[in-house]
Amino acid sequence: MDDRPASRSGWRHYRLLLIIPFIWQIGLVPFANSVDMRVLSLPFPMVWQMVGILVTSGIIATVFTLDRRRDRAEGAPEGEDL
């Protein structure tokens, strides 16, 4: 049973951003593997994975920040987990 207020139990649409890393790492691998270019003497798929880590970290940080901001706006206690 969910005892949270109705306003906090709604879907947070910005969490759809978390699909981007999945698409980046799984869905676009055929594209990355077909590129023969080298970046800084590294094969492109390796650079693709490293950039993917940075993009994923940025997206997770963004979603975390938006969650915290929304919780504060709704008056949630600081240490409460969702």
N, C-alpha and C. Protein backbone atom coordinates (compact mmCIF):
# COMPACT_ATOMS: atom_id res chain seq x y z
N MET A 1 0.83 -1.18 0.00
CA MET A 1 0.00 0.00 0.00
C MET A 1 0.88 1.24 0.00
N ASP A 2 0.49 2.21 -0.77
CA ASP A 2 1.26 3.43 -0.90
C ASP A 2 0.68 4.49 0.03
N ASP A 3 1.46 4.89 1.04
CA ASP A 3 0.96 5.88 1.98
C ASP A 3 1.49 7.29 1.69
N ARG A 4 2.09 7.46 0.52
CA ARG A 4 2.57 8.79 0.13
C ARG A 4 1.40 9.64 -0.35
N PRO A 5 1.52 10.95 -0.24
CA PRO A 5 0.47 11.82 -0.77
C PRO A 5 0.31 11.62 -2.28
N ALA A 6 -0.89 11.86 -2.77
CA ALA A 6 -1.19 11.63 -4.19
C ALA A 6 -0.29 12.44 -5.10
N SER A 7 0.08 13.64 -4.70
CA SER A 7 0.90 14.49 -5.57
C SER A 7 2.30 13.93 -5.76
N ARG A 8 2.78 13.13 -4.82
CA ARG A 8 4.13 12.58 -4.93
C ARG A 8 4.15 11.22 -5.60
N SER A 9 3.01 10.59 -5.74
CA SER A 9 3.00 9.25 -6.30
C SER A 9 2.89 9.26 -7.82
N GLY A 10 2.77 10.43 -8.44
CA GLY A 10 2.63 10.52 -9.88
C GLY A 10 3.94 10.23 -10.61
N TRP A 11 3.80 9.91 -11.87
CA TRP A 11 4.95 9.60 -12.72
C TRP A 11 5.75 10.86 -12.99
N ARG A 12 7.02 10.75 -12.94
CA ARG A 12 7.91 11.87 -13.25
C ARG A 12 8.45 11.66 -14.66
N HIS A 13 7.92 12.41 -15.59
CA HIS A 13 8.19 12.18 -17.01
C HIS A 13 9.66 12.36 -17.39
N TYR A 14 10.37 13.19 -16.67
CA TYR A 14 11.77 13.39 -17.00
C TYR A 14 12.60 12.12 -16.77
N ARG A 15 12.05 11.17 -16.05
CA ARG A 15 12.77 9.90 -15.85
C ARG A 15 12.88 9.10 -17.15
N LEU A 16 12.13 9.48 -18.15
CA LEU A 16 12.28 8.84 -19.46
C LEU A 16 13.67 9.10 -20.05
N LEU A 17 14.36 10.12 -19.53
CA LEU A 17 15.74 10.37 -19.96
C LEU A 17 16.63 9.16 -19.70
N LEU A 18 16.25 8.33 -18.74
CA LEU A 18 17.06 7.17 -18.40
C LEU A 18 17.04 6.10 -19.49
N ILE A 19 16.19 6.27 -20.48
CA ILE A 19 16.17 5.34 -21.62
C ILE A 19 17.34 5.64 -22.56
N ILE A 20 17.80 6.87 -22.59
CA ILE A 20 18.86 7.27 -23.52
C ILE A 20 20.13 6.43 -23.34
N PRO A 21 20.62 6.21 -22.12
CA PRO A 21 21.83 5.37 -22.00
C PRO A 21 21.62 3.95 -22.53
N PHE A 22 20.44 3.40 -22.33
CA PHE A 22 20.16 2.07 -22.85
C PHE A 22 20.24 2.07 -24.38
N ILE A 23 19.60 3.04 -24.99
CA ILE A 23 19.63 3.13 -26.45
C ILE A 23 21.06 3.37 -26.93
N TRP A 24 21.78 4.22 -26.21
CA TRP A 24 23.17 4.54 -26.57
C TRP A 24 24.03 3.28 -26.56
N GLN A 25 23.94 2.50 -25.50
CA GLN A 25 24.83 1.36 -25.33
C GLN A 25 24.38 0.12 -26.09
N ILE A 26 23.10 -0.08 -26.23
CA ILE A 26 22.60 -1.31 -26.85
C ILE A 26 22.12 -1.07 -28.28
N GLY A 27 21.29 -0.07 -28.46
CA GLY A 27 20.65 0.14 -29.75
C GLY A 27 21.55 0.67 -30.84
N LEU A 28 22.57 1.43 -30.47
CA LEU A 28 23.41 2.06 -31.49
C LEU A 28 24.77 1.39 -31.66
N VAL A 29 24.97 0.25 -31.05
CA VAL A 29 26.24 -0.47 -31.19
C VAL A 29 26.53 -0.83 -32.65
N PRO A 30 25.55 -1.29 -33.43
CA PRO A 30 25.87 -1.59 -34.83
C PRO A 30 26.43 -0.37 -35.58
N PHE A 31 25.91 0.81 -35.28
CA PHE A 31 26.44 2.02 -35.89
C PHE A 31 27.89 2.24 -35.46
N ALA A 32 28.14 2.16 -34.16
CA ALA A 32 29.49 2.41 -33.64
C ALA A 32 30.49 1.40 -34.19
N ASN A 33 30.08 0.17 -34.33
CA ASN A 33 31.00 -0.86 -34.84
C ASN A 33 31.29 -0.71 -36.33
N SER A 34 30.43 -0.01 -37.04
CA SER A 34 30.64 0.13 -38.48
C SER A 34 31.56 1.31 -38.83
N VAL A 35 31.92 2.12 -37.85
CA VAL A 35 32.78 3.27 -38.11
C VAL A 35 34.24 2.84 -37.99
N ASP A 36 35.02 3.14 -39.02
CA ASP A 36 36.43 2.74 -39.04
C ASP A 36 37.37 3.83 -38.56
N MET A 37 36.84 4.94 -38.14
CA MET A 37 37.65 6.08 -37.72
C MET A 37 38.33 5.80 -36.37
N ARG A 38 39.47 6.43 -36.17
CA ARG A 38 40.17 6.37 -34.89
C ARG A 38 40.19 7.77 -34.29
N VAL A 39 39.97 7.84 -32.99
CA VAL A 39 40.00 9.11 -32.27
C VAL A 39 41.11 9.01 -31.23
N LEU A 40 42.08 9.89 -31.32
CA LEU A 40 43.24 9.86 -30.42
C LEU A 40 43.89 8.48 -30.39
N SER A 41 43.98 7.87 -31.55
CA SER A 41 44.57 6.54 -31.75
C SER A 41 43.78 5.42 -31.09
N LEU A 42 42.56 5.69 -30.69
CA LEU A 42 41.70 4.67 -30.11
C LEU A 42 40.62 4.29 -31.13
N PRO A 43 40.25 3.03 -31.17
CA PRO A 43 39.17 2.64 -32.08
C PRO A 43 37.87 3.35 -31.70
N PHE A 44 37.08 3.67 -32.70
CA PHE A 44 35.85 4.42 -32.46
C PHE A 44 34.91 3.75 -31.46
N PRO A 45 34.71 2.42 -31.52
CA PRO A 45 33.80 1.81 -30.53
C PRO A 45 34.26 2.03 -29.08
N MET A 46 35.56 2.07 -28.86
CA MET A 46 36.06 2.32 -27.50
C MET A 46 35.75 3.76 -27.07
N VAL A 47 35.95 4.69 -27.98
CA VAL A 47 35.63 6.09 -27.69
C VAL A 47 34.12 6.23 -27.47
N TRP A 48 33.34 5.52 -28.27
CA TRP A 48 31.87 5.52 -28.15
C TRP A 48 31.46 5.10 -26.73
N GLN A 49 32.08 4.04 -26.22
CA GLN A 49 31.75 3.56 -24.88
C GLN A 49 32.16 4.57 -23.81
N MET A 50 33.32 5.18 -23.97
CA MET A 50 33.77 6.17 -22.98
C MET A 50 32.87 7.39 -22.96
N VAL A 51 32.47 7.86 -24.13
CA VAL A 51 31.55 8.99 -24.19
C VAL A 51 30.19 8.58 -23.62
N GLY A 52 29.80 7.35 -23.86
CA GLY A 52 28.54 6.85 -23.30
C GLY A 52 28.54 6.87 -21.78
N ILE A 53 29.67 6.58 -21.18
CA ILE A 53 29.77 6.63 -19.71
C ILE A 53 29.57 8.06 -19.23
N LEU A 54 30.17 9.02 -19.93
CA LEU A 54 30.00 10.43 -19.54
C LEU A 54 28.56 10.89 -19.73
N VAL A 55 27.96 10.51 -20.85
CA VAL A 55 26.56 10.89 -21.12
C VAL A 55 25.64 10.27 -20.07
N THR A 56 25.86 9.00 -19.76
CA THR A 56 25.04 8.32 -18.77
C THR A 56 25.17 8.98 -17.40
N SER A 57 26.38 9.31 -17.01
CA SER A 57 26.60 9.97 -15.73
C SER A 57 25.88 11.31 -15.67
N GLY A 58 25.93 12.06 -16.76
CA GLY A 58 25.24 13.34 -16.82
C GLY A 58 23.73 13.19 -16.73
N ILE A 59 23.19 12.19 -17.40
CA ILE A 59 21.75 11.97 -17.36
C ILE A 59 21.30 11.55 -15.97
N ILE A 60 22.04 10.65 -15.35
CA ILE A 60 21.68 10.22 -14.00
C ILE A 60 21.76 11.39 -13.03
N ALA A 61 22.78 12.22 -13.15
CA ALA A 61 22.89 13.39 -12.29
C ALA A 61 21.73 14.36 -12.52
N THR A 62 21.32 14.52 -13.77
CA THR A 62 20.20 15.41 -14.08
C THR A 62 18.91 14.89 -13.47
N VAL A 63 18.64 13.60 -13.63
CA VAL A 63 17.42 13.02 -13.07
C VAL A 63 17.44 13.11 -11.55
N PHE A 64 18.58 12.86 -10.95
CA PHE A 64 18.71 12.96 -9.50
C PHE A 64 18.41 14.39 -9.03
N THR A 65 18.99 15.36 -9.73
CA THR A 65 18.77 16.76 -9.37
C THR A 65 17.30 17.15 -9.53
N LEU A 66 16.68 16.72 -10.62
CA LEU A 66 15.27 17.03 -10.83
C LEU A 66 14.39 16.36 -9.77
N ASP A 67 14.74 15.14 -9.38
CA ASP A 67 14.00 14.47 -8.30
C ASP A 67 14.10 15.25 -7.00
N ARG A 68 15.31 15.65 -6.66
CA ARG A 68 15.51 16.39 -5.41
C ARG A 68 14.77 17.72 -5.45
N ARG A 69 14.83 18.40 -6.58
CA ARG A 69 14.15 19.70 -6.71
C ARG A 69 12.64 19.52 -6.58
N ARG A 70 12.11 18.49 -7.20
CA ARG A 70 10.66 18.26 -7.12
C ARG A 70 10.25 17.88 -5.70
N ASP A 71 11.07 17.06 -5.04
CA ASP A 71 10.75 16.68 -3.66
C ASP A 71 10.75 17.90 -2.74
N ARG A 72 11.71 18.78 -2.92
CA ARG A 72 11.74 19.99 -2.09
C ARG A 72 10.54 20.88 -2.37
N ALA A 73 10.14 20.98 -3.63
CA ALA A 73 8.99 21.81 -3.99
C ALA A 73 7.70 21.25 -3.40
N GLU A 74 7.65 19.93 -3.25
CA GLU A 74 6.45 19.30 -2.70
C GLU A 74 6.51 19.17 -1.18
N GLY A 75 7.61 19.61 -0.59
CA GLY A 75 7.72 19.60 0.86
C GLY A 75 8.06 18.25 1.46
N ALA A 76 8.73 17.40 0.71
CA ALA A 76 9.12 16.09 1.24
C ALA A 76 10.27 16.26 2.23
N PRO A 77 10.30 15.44 3.27
CA PRO A 77 11.44 15.48 4.19
C PRO A 77 12.74 15.17 3.45
N GLU A 78 13.83 15.76 3.88
CA GLU A 78 15.10 15.69 3.16
C GLU A 78 15.63 14.27 2.99
N GLY A 79 15.54 13.43 3.98
CA GLY A 79 16.14 12.10 3.90
C GLY A 79 15.19 11.01 3.45
N GLU A 80 14.00 11.34 3.05
CA GLU A 80 13.00 10.32 2.70
C GLU A 80 13.28 9.71 1.34
N ASP A 81 13.28 8.39 1.27
CA ASP A 81 13.46 7.69 0.01
C ASP A 81 12.12 7.52 -0.68
N LEU A 82 12.19 7.47 -2.01
CA LEU A 82 10.95 7.27 -2.77
C LEU A 82 10.73 5.82 -3.04
